[in-house]
Amino acid sequence: MMETKFALKALAALAQETRLTIFRHLVEAGPEGIHAGAIAEALGLPGATLSFHLKELHHAELVDSRQEGRFVRYTANLTTVQAMVGYLTETCCGGKPEMCVPVAVPLPMPTVKRKPGRPQ
């Protein structure tokens, strides 16, 4: 069971656009992961910027890394994500989560409604 402080750390790490983009790229890469240089190239990020964000994601236990010679391969830690989703939905439907829609089914993101006169 995930504790609140770990859920907050993971959610805070993902609440930043670059880190969310990196994490989603790693999820797309699957269990084989991807080398840091390939992530930087694919996302157009300088090495130092990528390193900073990967450190934050690793600290939040959202990514794993392994050394392969001179390179480091990163993978998304889906166990942490599953624990986080479980934490967020454990009281779903009055404590009967089996009655809720499966959480792995992607749903469309809600449209953000802008107030009239505000820049888009």
PDB file of N, CA and C in Angstrom:
ATOM      1  N   MET A   1       0.851  -1.179   0.000  1.00  0.00           N
ATOM      2  CA  MET A   1       0.000   0.000   0.000  1.00  0.00           C
ATOM      3  C   MET A   1       0.895   1.240   0.000  1.00  0.00           C
ATOM      4  N   MET A   2       0.584   2.154  -0.853  1.00  0.00           N
ATOM      5  CA  MET A   2       1.356   3.395  -0.959  1.00  0.00           C
ATOM      6  C   MET A   2       0.921   4.355   0.145  1.00  0.00           C
ATOM      7  N   GLU A   3       1.894   5.032   0.728  1.00  0.00           N
ATOM      8  CA  GLU A   3       1.614   6.036   1.736  1.00  0.00           C
ATOM      9  C   GLU A   3       1.412   7.393   1.064  1.00  0.00           C
ATOM     10  N   THR A   4       0.733   8.278   1.750  1.00  0.00           N
ATOM     11  CA  THR A   4       0.438   9.604   1.217  1.00  0.00           C
ATOM     12  C   THR A   4       1.701  10.340   0.792  1.00  0.00           C
ATOM     13  N   LYS A   5       2.763  10.290   1.603  1.00  0.00           N
ATOM     14  CA  LYS A   5       3.972  11.038   1.258  1.00  0.00           C
ATOM     15  C   LYS A   5       4.601  10.547  -0.045  1.00  0.00           C
ATOM     16  N   PHE A   6       4.520   9.242  -0.326  1.00  0.00           N
ATOM     17  CA  PHE A   6       5.066   8.723  -1.583  1.00  0.00           C
ATOM     18  C   PHE A   6       4.186   9.107  -2.762  1.00  0.00           C
ATOM     19  N   ALA A   7       2.870   9.093  -2.562  1.00  0.00           N
ATOM     20  CA  ALA A   7       1.952   9.522  -3.616  1.00  0.00           C
ATOM     21  C   ALA A   7       2.191  10.992  -3.945  1.00  0.00           C
ATOM     22  N   LEU A   8       2.372  11.815  -2.931  1.00  0.00           N
ATOM     23  CA  LEU A   8       2.630  13.240  -3.153  1.00  0.00           C
ATOM     24  C   LEU A   8       3.930  13.457  -3.917  1.00  0.00           C
ATOM     25  N   LYS A   9       4.961  12.692  -3.584  1.00  0.00           N
ATOM     26  CA  LYS A   9       6.250  12.827  -4.260  1.00  0.00           C
ATOM     27  C   LYS A   9       6.116  12.460  -5.741  1.00  0.00           C
ATOM     28  N   ALA A  10       5.409  11.377  -6.030  1.00  0.00           N
ATOM     29  CA  ALA A  10       5.228  10.947  -7.416  1.00  0.00           C
ATOM     30  C   ALA A  10       4.363  11.935  -8.194  1.00  0.00           C
ATOM     31  N   LEU A  11       3.276  12.377  -7.594  1.00  0.00           N
ATOM     32  CA  LEU A  11       2.394  13.329  -8.266  1.00  0.00           C
ATOM     33  C   LEU A  11       3.104  14.660  -8.506  1.00  0.00           C
ATOM     34  N   ALA A  12       3.889  15.112  -7.540  1.00  0.00           N
ATOM     35  CA  ALA A  12       4.633  16.363  -7.698  1.00  0.00           C
ATOM     36  C   ALA A  12       5.653  16.244  -8.829  1.00  0.00           C
ATOM     37  N   ALA A  13       6.300  15.104  -8.933  1.00  0.00           N
ATOM     38  CA  ALA A  13       7.285  14.915 -10.001  1.00  0.00           C
ATOM     39  C   ALA A  13       6.617  14.960 -11.369  1.00  0.00           C
ATOM     40  N   LEU A  14       5.431  14.410 -11.482  1.00  0.00           N
ATOM     41  CA  LEU A  14       4.726  14.388 -12.769  1.00  0.00           C
ATOM     42  C   LEU A  14       3.999  15.695 -13.066  1.00  0.00           C
ATOM     43  N   ALA A  15       3.914  16.584 -12.094  1.00  0.00           N
ATOM     44  CA  ALA A  15       3.198  17.849 -12.266  1.00  0.00           C
ATOM     45  C   ALA A  15       4.092  18.920 -12.878  1.00  0.00           C
ATOM     46  N   GLN A  16       4.992  18.496 -13.738  1.00  0.00           N
ATOM     47  CA  GLN A  16       5.889  19.407 -14.440  1.00  0.00           C
ATOM     48  C   GLN A  16       5.942  18.917 -15.881  1.00  0.00           C
ATOM     49  N   GLU A  17       5.743  19.811 -16.836  1.00  0.00           N
ATOM     50  CA  GLU A  17       5.551  19.421 -18.232  1.00  0.00           C
ATOM     51  C   GLU A  17       6.693  18.581 -18.806  1.00  0.00           C
ATOM     52  N   THR A  18       7.929  18.974 -18.595  1.00  0.00           N
ATOM     53  CA  THR A  18       9.053  18.228 -19.159  1.00  0.00           C
ATOM     54  C   THR A  18       9.142  16.839 -18.551  1.00  0.00           C
ATOM     55  N   ARG A  19       8.988  16.748 -17.234  1.00  0.00           N
ATOM     56  CA  ARG A  19       9.056  15.428 -16.594  1.00  0.00           C
ATOM     57  C   ARG A  19       7.913  14.534 -17.038  1.00  0.00           C
ATOM     58  N   LEU A  20       6.731  15.090 -17.185  1.00  0.00           N
ATOM     59  CA  LEU A  20       5.600  14.295 -17.665  1.00  0.00           C
ATOM     60  C   LEU A  20       5.878  13.800 -19.083  1.00  0.00           C
ATOM     61  N   THR A  21       6.439  14.637 -19.921  1.00  0.00           N
ATOM     62  CA  THR A  21       6.773  14.248 -21.295  1.00  0.00           C
ATOM     63  C   THR A  21       7.818  13.140 -21.299  1.00  0.00           C
ATOM     64  N   ILE A  22       8.846  13.270 -20.480  1.00  0.00           N
ATOM     65  CA  ILE A  22       9.881  12.235 -20.381  1.00  0.00           C
ATOM     66  C   ILE A  22       9.268  10.922 -19.913  1.00  0.00           C
ATOM     67  N   PHE A  23       8.441  10.990 -18.874  1.00  0.00           N
ATOM     68  CA  PHE A  23       7.828   9.779 -18.336  1.00  0.00           C
ATOM     69  C   PHE A  23       6.958   9.089 -19.384  1.00  0.00           C
ATOM     70  N   ARG A  24       6.154   9.858 -20.085  1.00  0.00           N
ATOM     71  CA  ARG A  24       5.294   9.274 -21.120  1.00  0.00           C
ATOM     72  C   ARG A  24       6.132   8.654 -22.241  1.00  0.00           C
ATOM     73  N   HIS A  25       7.258   9.259 -22.563  1.00  0.00           N
ATOM     74  CA  HIS A  25       8.161   8.711 -23.576  1.00  0.00           C
ATOM     75  C   HIS A  25       8.724   7.366 -23.101  1.00  0.00           C
ATOM     76  N   LEU A  26       9.066   7.281 -21.826  1.00  0.00           N
ATOM     77  CA  LEU A  26       9.573   6.018 -21.283  1.00  0.00           C
ATOM     78  C   LEU A  26       8.487   4.948 -21.244  1.00  0.00           C
ATOM     79  N   VAL A  27       7.269   5.335 -20.937  1.00  0.00           N
ATOM     80  CA  VAL A  27       6.156   4.379 -20.955  1.00  0.00           C
ATOM     81  C   VAL A  27       5.990   3.831 -22.371  1.00  0.00           C
ATOM     82  N   GLU A  28       6.075   4.723 -23.352  1.00  0.00           N
ATOM     83  CA  GLU A  28       5.951   4.310 -24.749  1.00  0.00           C
ATOM     84  C   GLU A  28       7.070   3.352 -25.153  1.00  0.00           C
ATOM     85  N   ALA A  29       8.265   3.567 -24.617  1.00  0.00           N
ATOM     86  CA  ALA A  29       9.408   2.704 -24.951  1.00  0.00           C
ATOM     87  C   ALA A  29       9.227   1.288 -24.424  1.00  0.00           C
ATOM     88  N   GLY A  30       8.407   1.117 -23.415  1.00  0.00           N
ATOM     89  CA  GLY A  30       8.141  -0.213 -22.887  1.00  0.00           C
ATOM     90  C   GLY A  30       9.218  -0.704 -21.938  1.00  0.00           C
ATOM     91  N   PRO A  31       9.159  -1.999 -21.599  1.00  0.00           N
ATOM     92  CA  PRO A  31      10.061  -2.548 -20.586  1.00  0.00           C
ATOM     93  C   PRO A  31      11.532  -2.571 -20.980  1.00  0.00           C
ATOM     94  N   GLU A  32      11.836  -2.483 -22.272  1.00  0.00           N
ATOM     95  CA  GLU A  32      13.246  -2.460 -22.679  1.00  0.00           C
ATOM     96  C   GLU A  32      13.882  -1.100 -22.416  1.00  0.00           C
ATOM     97  N   GLY A  33      13.084  -0.062 -22.242  1.00  0.00           N
ATOM     98  CA  GLY A  33      13.596   1.259 -21.923  1.00  0.00           C
ATOM     99  C   GLY A  33      14.329   1.910 -23.073  1.00  0.00           C
ATOM    100  N   ILE A  34      15.070   2.962 -22.736  1.00  0.00           N
ATOM    101  CA  ILE A  34      15.753   3.747 -23.765  1.00  0.00           C
ATOM    102  C   ILE A  34      16.954   4.452 -23.121  1.00  0.00           C
ATOM    103  N   HIS A  35      18.017   4.590 -23.910  1.00  0.00           N
ATOM    104  CA  HIS A  35      19.212   5.288 -23.420  1.00  0.00           C
ATOM    105  C   HIS A  35      18.937   6.785 -23.278  1.00  0.00           C
ATOM    106  N   ALA A  36      19.626   7.406 -22.323  1.00  0.00           N
ATOM    107  CA  ALA A  36      19.442   8.828 -22.048  1.00  0.00           C
ATOM    108  C   ALA A  36      19.658   9.681 -23.292  1.00  0.00           C
ATOM    109  N   GLY A  37      20.681   9.376 -24.082  1.00  0.00           N
ATOM    110  CA  GLY A  37      20.954  10.154 -25.293  1.00  0.00           C
ATOM    111  C   GLY A  37      19.808  10.102 -26.283  1.00  0.00           C
ATOM    112  N   ALA A  38      19.181   8.943 -26.399  1.00  0.00           N
ATOM    113  CA  ALA A  38      18.044   8.791 -27.317  1.00  0.00           C
ATOM    114  C   ALA A  38      16.830   9.574 -26.809  1.00  0.00           C
ATOM    115  N   ILE A  39      16.664   9.642 -25.488  1.00  0.00           N
ATOM    116  CA  ILE A  39      15.571  10.439 -24.915  1.00  0.00           C
ATOM    117  C   ILE A  39      15.798  11.912 -25.234  1.00  0.00           C
ATOM    118  N   ALA A  40      17.030  12.371 -24.991  1.00  0.00           N
ATOM    119  CA  ALA A  40      17.370  13.775 -25.250  1.00  0.00           C
ATOM    120  C   ALA A  40      17.137  14.128 -26.709  1.00  0.00           C
ATOM    121  N   GLU A  41      17.556  13.256 -27.600  1.00  0.00           N
ATOM    122  CA  GLU A  41      17.396  13.513 -29.039  1.00  0.00           C
ATOM    123  C   GLU A  41      15.921  13.531 -29.435  1.00  0.00           C
ATOM    124  N   ALA A  42      15.170  12.544 -28.963  1.00  0.00           N
ATOM    125  CA  ALA A  42      13.752  12.439 -29.338  1.00  0.00           C
ATOM    126  C   ALA A  42      12.938  13.626 -28.832  1.00  0.00           C
ATOM    127  N   LEU A  43      13.295  14.137 -27.652  1.00  0.00           N
ATOM    128  CA  LEU A  43      12.509  15.211 -27.045  1.00  0.00           C
ATOM    129  C   LEU A  43      13.140  16.587 -27.226  1.00  0.00           C
ATOM    130  N   GLY A  44      14.321  16.631 -27.856  1.00  0.00           N
ATOM    131  CA  GLY A  44      14.991  17.902 -28.092  1.00  0.00           C
ATOM    132  C   GLY A  44      15.433  18.590 -26.815  1.00  0.00           C
ATOM    133  N   LEU A  45      15.943  17.810 -25.869  1.00  0.00           N
ATOM    134  CA  LEU A  45      16.363  18.358 -24.577  1.00  0.00           C
ATOM    135  C   LEU A  45      17.878  18.359 -24.457  1.00  0.00           C
ATOM    136  N   PRO A  46      18.453  19.426 -23.913  1.00  0.00           N
ATOM    137  CA  PRO A  46      19.884  19.414 -23.611  1.00  0.00           C
ATOM    138  C   PRO A  46      20.168  18.344 -22.548  1.00  0.00           C
ATOM    139  N   GLY A  47      21.370  17.772 -22.587  1.00  0.00           N
ATOM    140  CA  GLY A  47      21.728  16.709 -21.654  1.00  0.00           C
ATOM    141  C   GLY A  47      21.561  17.094 -20.199  1.00  0.00           C
ATOM    142  N   ALA A  48      21.992  18.310 -19.832  1.00  0.00           N
ATOM    143  CA  ALA A  48      21.891  18.739 -18.436  1.00  0.00           C
ATOM    144  C   ALA A  48      20.438  18.852 -17.987  1.00  0.00           C
ATOM    145  N   THR A  49      19.584  19.335 -18.866  1.00  0.00           N
ATOM    146  CA  THR A  49      18.153  19.453 -18.543  1.00  0.00           C
ATOM    147  C   THR A  49      17.544  18.078 -18.350  1.00  0.00           C
ATOM    148  N   LEU A  50      17.856  17.164 -19.271  1.00  0.00           N
ATOM    149  CA  LEU A  50      17.339  15.802 -19.166  1.00  0.00           C
ATOM    150  C   LEU A  50      17.815  15.151 -17.872  1.00  0.00           C
ATOM    151  N   SER A  51      19.085  15.306 -17.573  1.00  0.00           N
ATOM    152  CA  SER A  51      19.654  14.708 -16.367  1.00  0.00           C
ATOM    153  C   SER A  51      18.943  15.206 -15.113  1.00  0.00           C
ATOM    154  N   PHE A  52      18.688  16.509 -15.044  1.00  0.00           N
ATOM    155  CA  PHE A  52      17.984  17.093 -13.904  1.00  0.00           C
ATOM    156  C   PHE A  52      16.606  16.462 -13.735  1.00  0.00           C
ATOM    157  N   HIS A  53      15.848  16.362 -14.832  1.00  0.00           N
ATOM    158  CA  HIS A  53      14.484  15.837 -14.748  1.00  0.00           C
ATOM    159  C   HIS A  53      14.472  14.337 -14.481  1.00  0.00           C
ATOM    160  N   LEU A  54      15.419  13.594 -15.049  1.00  0.00           N
ATOM    161  CA  LEU A  54      15.489  12.161 -14.768  1.00  0.00           C
ATOM    162  C   LEU A  54      15.816  11.918 -13.300  1.00  0.00           C
ATOM    163  N   LYS A  55      16.667  12.767 -12.724  1.00  0.00           N
ATOM    164  CA  LYS A  55      17.000  12.647 -11.299  1.00  0.00           C
ATOM    165  C   LYS A  55      15.736  12.830 -10.455  1.00  0.00           C
ATOM    166  N   GLU A  56      14.918  13.818 -10.810  1.00  0.00           N
ATOM    167  CA  GLU A  56      13.681  14.052 -10.065  1.00  0.00           C
ATOM    168  C   GLU A  56      12.716  12.865 -10.208  1.00  0.00           C
ATOM    169  N   LEU A  57      12.589  12.333 -11.397  1.00  0.00           N
ATOM    170  CA  LEU A  57      11.718  11.174 -11.625  1.00  0.00           C
ATOM    171  C   LEU A  57      12.248   9.944 -10.886  1.00  0.00           C
ATOM    172  N   HIS A  58      13.564   9.779 -10.873  1.00  0.00           N
ATOM    173  CA  HIS A  58      14.173   8.645 -10.167  1.00  0.00           C
ATOM    174  C   HIS A  58      13.956   8.792  -8.660  1.00  0.00           C
ATOM    175  N   HIS A  59      14.115  10.000  -8.139  1.00  0.00           N
ATOM    176  CA  HIS A  59      13.897  10.266  -6.717  1.00  0.00           C
ATOM    177  C   HIS A  59      12.453   9.931  -6.316  1.00  0.00           C
ATOM    178  N   ALA A  60      11.521  10.155  -7.216  1.00  0.00           N
ATOM    179  CA  ALA A  60      10.107   9.851  -6.953  1.00  0.00           C
ATOM    180  C   ALA A  60       9.776   8.386  -7.265  1.00  0.00           C
ATOM    181  N   GLU A  61      10.795   7.607  -7.601  1.00  0.00           N
ATOM    182  CA  GLU A  61      10.648   6.177  -7.922  1.00  0.00           C
ATOM    183  C   GLU A  61       9.757   5.927  -9.127  1.00  0.00           C
ATOM    184  N   LEU A  62       9.743   6.883 -10.055  1.00  0.00           N
ATOM    185  CA  LEU A  62       8.951   6.736 -11.277  1.00  0.00           C
ATOM    186  C   LEU A  62       9.770   6.185 -12.436  1.00  0.00           C
ATOM    187  N   VAL A  63      11.089   6.239 -12.334  1.00  0.00           N
ATOM    188  CA  VAL A  63      11.946   5.646 -13.359  1.00  0.00           C
ATOM    189  C   VAL A  63      13.037   4.825 -12.690  1.00  0.00           C
ATOM    190  N   ASP A  64      13.470   3.814 -13.413  1.00  0.00           N
ATOM    191  CA  ASP A  64      14.602   2.989 -13.006  1.00  0.00           C
ATOM    192  C   ASP A  64      15.700   3.196 -14.029  1.00  0.00           C
ATOM    193  N   SER A  65      16.928   2.951 -13.629  1.00  0.00           N
ATOM    194  CA  SER A  65      18.046   3.088 -14.559  1.00  0.00           C
ATOM    195  C   SER A  65      19.013   1.935 -14.362  1.00  0.00           C
ATOM    196  N   ARG A  66      19.728   1.623 -15.436  1.00  0.00           N
ATOM    197  CA  ARG A  66      20.784   0.628 -15.338  1.00  0.00           C
ATOM    198  C   ARG A  66      21.925   1.028 -16.266  1.00  0.00           C
ATOM    199  N   GLN A  67      23.115   0.849 -15.775  1.00  0.00           N
ATOM    200  CA  GLN A  67      24.315   1.184 -16.530  1.00  0.00           C
ATOM    201  C   GLN A  67      24.562   0.102 -17.575  1.00  0.00           C
ATOM    202  N   GLU A  68      24.846   0.519 -18.800  1.00  0.00           N
ATOM    203  CA  GLU A  68      25.205  -0.393 -19.887  1.00  0.00           C
ATOM    204  C   GLU A  68      26.462   0.158 -20.543  1.00  0.00           C
ATOM    205  N   GLY A  69      27.608  -0.213 -20.009  1.00  0.00           N
ATOM    206  CA  GLY A  69      28.858   0.342 -20.513  1.00  0.00           C
ATOM    207  C   GLY A  69      28.926   1.828 -20.218  1.00  0.00           C
ATOM    208  N   ARG A  70      29.084   2.632 -21.255  1.00  0.00           N
ATOM    209  CA  ARG A  70      29.142   4.093 -21.095  1.00  0.00           C
ATOM    210  C   ARG A  70      27.765   4.730 -21.035  1.00  0.00           C
ATOM    211  N   PHE A  71      26.733   3.967 -21.306  1.00  0.00           N
ATOM    212  CA  PHE A  71      25.383   4.515 -21.409  1.00  0.00           C
ATOM    213  C   PHE A  71      24.523   4.107 -20.219  1.00  0.00           C
ATOM    214  N   VAL A  72      23.476   4.894 -19.977  1.00  0.00           N
ATOM    215  CA  VAL A  72      22.491   4.574 -18.950  1.00  0.00           C
ATOM    216  C   VAL A  72      21.147   4.390 -19.653  1.00  0.00           C
ATOM    217  N   ARG A  73      20.511   3.262 -19.376  1.00  0.00           N
ATOM    218  CA  ARG A  73      19.195   2.963 -19.947  1.00  0.00           C
ATOM    219  C   ARG A  73      18.142   3.232 -18.870  1.00  0.00           C
ATOM    220  N   TYR A  74      17.098   3.947 -19.252  1.00  0.00           N
ATOM    221  CA  TYR A  74      16.014   4.294 -18.330  1.00  0.00           C
ATOM    222  C   TYR A  74      14.735   3.579 -18.730  1.00  0.00           C
ATOM    223  N   THR A  75      13.970   3.171 -17.719  1.00  0.00           N
ATOM    224  CA  THR A  75      12.653   2.570 -17.937  1.00  0.00           C
ATOM    225  C   THR A  75      11.661   3.203 -16.971  1.00  0.00           C
ATOM    226  N   ALA A  76      10.405   3.237 -17.377  1.00  0.00           N
ATOM    227  CA  ALA A  76       9.340   3.714 -16.492  1.00  0.00           C
ATOM    228  C   ALA A  76       9.094   2.653 -15.428  1.00  0.00           C
ATOM    229  N   ASN A  77       8.948   3.067 -14.187  1.00  0.00           N
ATOM    230  CA  ASN A  77       8.640   2.150 -13.096  1.00  0.00           C
ATOM    231  C   ASN A  77       7.125   2.094 -12.963  1.00  0.00           C
ATOM    232  N   LEU A  78       6.533   1.165 -13.670  1.00  0.00           N
ATOM    233  CA  LEU A  78       5.073   1.073 -13.689  1.00  0.00           C
ATOM    234  C   LEU A  78       4.507   0.535 -12.384  1.00  0.00           C
ATOM    235  N   THR A  79       5.339  -0.113 -11.576  1.00  0.00           N
ATOM    236  CA  THR A  79       4.873  -0.564 -10.267  1.00  0.00           C
ATOM    237  C   THR A  79       4.497   0.635  -9.399  1.00  0.00           C
ATOM    238  N   THR A  80       5.311   1.681  -9.449  1.00  0.00           N
ATOM    239  CA  THR A  80       4.994   2.892  -8.693  1.00  0.00           C
ATOM    240  C   THR A  80       3.707   3.523  -9.214  1.00  0.00           C
ATOM    241  N   VAL A  81       3.548   3.552 -10.529  1.00  0.00           N
ATOM    242  CA  VAL A  81       2.342   4.137 -11.117  1.00  0.00           C
ATOM    243  C   VAL A  81       1.112   3.328 -10.711  1.00  0.00           C
ATOM    244  N   GLN A  82       1.218   2.005 -10.745  1.00  0.00           N
ATOM    245  CA  GLN A  82       0.086   1.168 -10.348  1.00  0.00           C
ATOM    246  C   GLN A  82      -0.257   1.396  -8.879  1.00  0.00           C
ATOM    247  N   ALA A  83       0.767   1.526  -8.032  1.00  0.00           N
ATOM    248  CA  ALA A  83       0.521   1.783  -6.615  1.00  0.00           C
ATOM    249  C   ALA A  83      -0.141   3.144  -6.423  1.00  0.00           C
ATOM    250  N   MET A  84       0.297   4.129  -7.220  1.00  0.00           N
ATOM    251  CA  MET A  84      -0.278   5.467  -7.117  1.00  0.00           C
ATOM    252  C   MET A  84      -1.748   5.451  -7.546  1.00  0.00           C
ATOM    253  N   VAL A  85      -2.060   4.783  -8.633  1.00  0.00           N
ATOM    254  CA  VAL A  85      -3.455   4.684  -9.087  1.00  0.00           C
ATOM    255  C   VAL A  85      -4.287   3.944  -8.035  1.00  0.00           C
ATOM    256  N   GLY A  86      -3.718   2.894  -7.464  1.00  0.00           N
ATOM    257  CA  GLY A  86      -4.416   2.165  -6.404  1.00  0.00           C
ATOM    258  C   GLY A  86      -4.692   3.052  -5.202  1.00  0.00           C
ATOM    259  N   TYR A  87      -3.703   3.858  -4.835  1.00  0.00           N
ATOM    260  CA  TYR A  87      -3.866   4.786  -3.720  1.00  0.00           C
ATOM    261  C   TYR A  87      -4.981   5.786  -4.011  1.00  0.00           C
ATOM    262  N   LEU A  88      -5.004   6.306  -5.232  1.00  0.00           N
ATOM    263  CA  LEU A  88      -6.000   7.317  -5.598  1.00  0.00           C
ATOM    264  C   LEU A  88      -7.409   6.744  -5.706  1.00  0.00           C
ATOM    265  N   THR A  89      -7.525   5.446  -5.979  1.00  0.00           N
ATOM    266  CA  THR A  89      -8.840   4.859  -6.223  1.00  0.00           C
ATOM    267  C   THR A  89      -9.264   3.831  -5.177  1.00  0.00           C
ATOM    268  N   GLU A  90      -8.485   3.677  -4.103  1.00  0.00           N
ATOM    269  CA  GLU A  90      -8.781   2.611  -3.153  1.00  0.00           C
ATOM    270  C   GLU A  90     -10.141   2.771  -2.477  1.00  0.00           C
ATOM    271  N   THR A  91     -10.661   3.975  -2.381  1.00  0.00           N
ATOM    272  CA  THR A  91     -11.979   4.163  -1.768  1.00  0.00           C
ATOM    273  C   THR A  91     -13.056   4.417  -2.812  1.00  0.00           C
ATOM    274  N   CYS A  92     -12.724   4.160  -4.059  1.00  0.00           N
ATOM    275  CA  CYS A  92     -13.670   4.351  -5.164  1.00  0.00           C
ATOM    276  C   CYS A  92     -14.949   3.540  -4.917  1.00  0.00           C
ATOM    277  N   CYS A  93     -16.048   4.118  -5.272  1.00  0.00           N
ATOM    278  CA  CYS A  93     -17.350   3.446  -5.171  1.00  0.00           C
ATOM    279  C   CYS A  93     -17.624   2.962  -3.749  1.00  0.00           C
ATOM    280  N   GLY A  94     -17.352   3.825  -2.782  1.00  0.00           N
ATOM    281  CA  GLY A  94     -17.642   3.486  -1.394  1.00  0.00           C
ATOM    282  C   GLY A  94     -16.795   2.343  -0.864  1.00  0.00           C
ATOM    283  N   GLY A  95     -15.571   2.227  -1.355  1.00  0.00           N
ATOM    284  CA  GLY A  95     -14.683   1.159  -0.895  1.00  0.00           C
ATOM    285  C   GLY A  95     -14.847  -0.141  -1.657  1.00  0.00           C
ATOM    286  N   LYS A  96     -15.572  -0.102  -2.767  1.00  0.00           N
ATOM    287  CA  LYS A  96     -15.769  -1.280  -3.617  1.00  0.00           C
ATOM    288  C   LYS A  96     -15.207  -0.987  -5.007  1.00  0.00           C
ATOM    289  N   PRO A  97     -13.869  -0.902  -5.121  1.00  0.00           N
ATOM    290  CA  PRO A  97     -13.274  -0.499  -6.395  1.00  0.00           C
ATOM    291  C   PRO A  97     -13.603  -1.433  -7.549  1.00  0.00           C
ATOM    292  N   GLU A  98     -13.975  -2.671  -7.265  1.00  0.00           N
ATOM    293  CA  GLU A  98     -14.330  -3.600  -8.346  1.00  0.00           C
ATOM    294  C   GLU A  98     -15.559  -3.128  -9.116  1.00  0.00           C
ATOM    295  N   MET A  99     -16.337  -2.234  -8.522  1.00  0.00           N
ATOM    296  CA  MET A  99     -17.519  -1.694  -9.197  1.00  0.00           C
ATOM    297  C   MET A  99     -17.181  -0.533 -10.122  1.00  0.00           C
ATOM    298  N   CYS A 100     -15.969  -0.007 -10.011  1.00  0.00           N
ATOM    299  CA  CYS A 100     -15.561   1.150 -10.803  1.00  0.00           C
ATOM    300  C   CYS A 100     -15.053   0.718 -12.175  1.00  0.00           C
ATOM    301  N   VAL A 101     -15.065   1.658 -13.092  1.00  0.00           N
ATOM    302  CA  VAL A 101     -14.524   1.412 -14.429  1.00  0.00           C
ATOM    303  C   VAL A 101     -13.047   1.059 -14.287  1.00  0.00           C
ATOM    304  N   PRO A 102     -12.555   0.098 -15.070  1.00  0.00           N
ATOM    305  CA  PRO A 102     -11.117  -0.207 -14.995  1.00  0.00           C
ATOM    306  C   PRO A 102     -10.291   1.054 -15.223  1.00  0.00           C
ATOM    307  N   VAL A 103      -9.300   1.253 -14.363  1.00  0.00           N
ATOM    308  CA  VAL A 103      -8.513   2.476 -14.421  1.00  0.00           C
ATOM    309  C   VAL A 103      -7.497   2.478 -15.549  1.00  0.00           C
ATOM    310  N   ALA A 104      -7.239   1.342 -16.180  1.00  0.00           N
ATOM    311  CA  ALA A 104      -6.254   1.303 -17.262  1.00  0.00           C
ATOM    312  C   ALA A 104      -6.860   1.699 -18.604  1.00  0.00           C
ATOM    313  N   VAL A 105      -8.165   1.889 -18.649  1.00  0.00           N
ATOM    314  CA  VAL A 105      -8.816   2.286 -19.893  1.00  0.00           C
ATOM    315  C   VAL A 105      -8.658   3.794 -20.067  1.00  0.00           C
ATOM    316  N   PRO A 106      -7.945   4.225 -21.115  1.00  0.00           N
ATOM    317  CA  PRO A 106      -7.749   5.667 -21.299  1.00  0.00           C
ATOM    318  C   PRO A 106      -9.072   6.375 -21.579  1.00  0.00           C
ATOM    319  N   LEU A 107      -9.260   7.480 -20.920  1.00  0.00           N
ATOM    320  CA  LEU A 107     -10.436   8.315 -21.138  1.00  0.00           C
ATOM    321  C   LEU A 107      -9.976   9.630 -21.737  1.00  0.00           C
ATOM    322  N   PRO A 108     -10.828  10.289 -22.525  1.00  0.00           N
ATOM    323  CA  PRO A 108     -10.426  11.588 -23.072  1.00  0.00           C
ATOM    324  C   PRO A 108     -10.251  12.602 -21.951  1.00  0.00           C
ATOM    325  N   MET A 109      -9.264  13.459 -22.117  1.00  0.00           N
ATOM    326  CA  MET A 109      -9.031  14.517 -21.137  1.00  0.00           C
ATOM    327  C   MET A 109     -10.152  15.536 -21.247  1.00  0.00           C
ATOM    328  N   PRO A 110     -10.596  16.067 -20.114  1.00  0.00           N
ATOM    329  CA  PRO A 110     -11.651  17.089 -20.173  1.00  0.00           C
ATOM    330  C   PRO A 110     -11.131  18.355 -20.840  1.00  0.00           C
ATOM    331  N   THR A 111     -12.012  19.031 -21.527  1.00  0.00           N
ATOM    332  CA  THR A 111     -11.662  20.293 -22.170  1.00  0.00           C
ATOM    333  C   THR A 111     -11.664  21.390 -21.122  1.00  0.00           C
ATOM    334  N   VAL A 112     -10.597  22.175 -21.122  1.00  0.00           N
ATOM    335  CA  VAL A 112     -10.505  23.283 -20.183  1.00  0.00           C
ATOM    336  C   VAL A 112     -11.290  24.441 -20.752  1.00  0.00           C
ATOM    337  N   LYS A 113     -12.274  24.921 -20.012  1.00  0.00           N
ATOM    338  CA  LYS A 113     -13.080  26.041 -20.480  1.00  0.00           C
ATOM    339  C   LYS A 113     -12.428  27.329 -20.033  1.00  0.00           C
ATOM    340  N   ARG A 114     -12.220  28.223 -20.949  1.00  0.00           N
ATOM    341  CA  ARG A 114     -11.594  29.516 -20.665  1.00  0.00           C
ATOM    342  C   ARG A 114     -12.668  30.554 -20.418  1.00  0.00           C
ATOM    343  N   LYS A 115     -12.371  31.471 -19.529  1.00  0.00           N
ATOM    344  CA  LYS A 115     -13.279  32.580 -19.288  1.00  0.00           C
ATOM    345  C   LYS A 115     -13.170  33.545 -20.460  1.00  0.00           C
ATOM    346  N   PRO A 116     -14.281  34.152 -20.867  1.00  0.00           N
ATOM    347  CA  PRO A 116     -14.225  35.108 -21.971  1.00  0.00           C
ATOM    348  C   PRO A 116     -13.231  36.233 -21.686  1.00  0.00           C
ATOM    349  N   GLY A 117     -12.485  36.616 -22.706  1.00  0.00           N
ATOM    350  CA  GLY A 117     -11.545  37.708 -22.583  1.00  0.00           C
ATOM    351  C   GLY A 117     -10.161  37.294 -22.077  1.00  0.00           C
ATOM    352  N   ARG A 118     -10.001  36.023 -21.687  1.00  0.00           N
ATOM    353  CA  ARG A 118      -8.676  35.546 -21.211  1.00  0.00           C
ATOM    354  C   ARG A 118      -7.920  34.953 -22.389  1.00  0.00           C
ATOM    355  N   PRO A 119      -6.615  35.184 -22.452  1.00  0.00           N
ATOM    356  CA  PRO A 119      -5.816  34.623 -23.539  1.00  0.00           C
ATOM    357  C   PRO A 119      -5.824  33.112 -23.503  1.00  0.00           C
ATOM    358  N   GLN A 120      -5.728  32.497 -24.673  1.00  0.00           N
ATOM    359  CA  GLN A 120      -5.767  31.040 -24.763  1.00  0.00           C
ATOM    360  C   GLN A 120      -4.424  30.441 -24.685  1.00  0.00           C
TER     361      GLN A 120
END
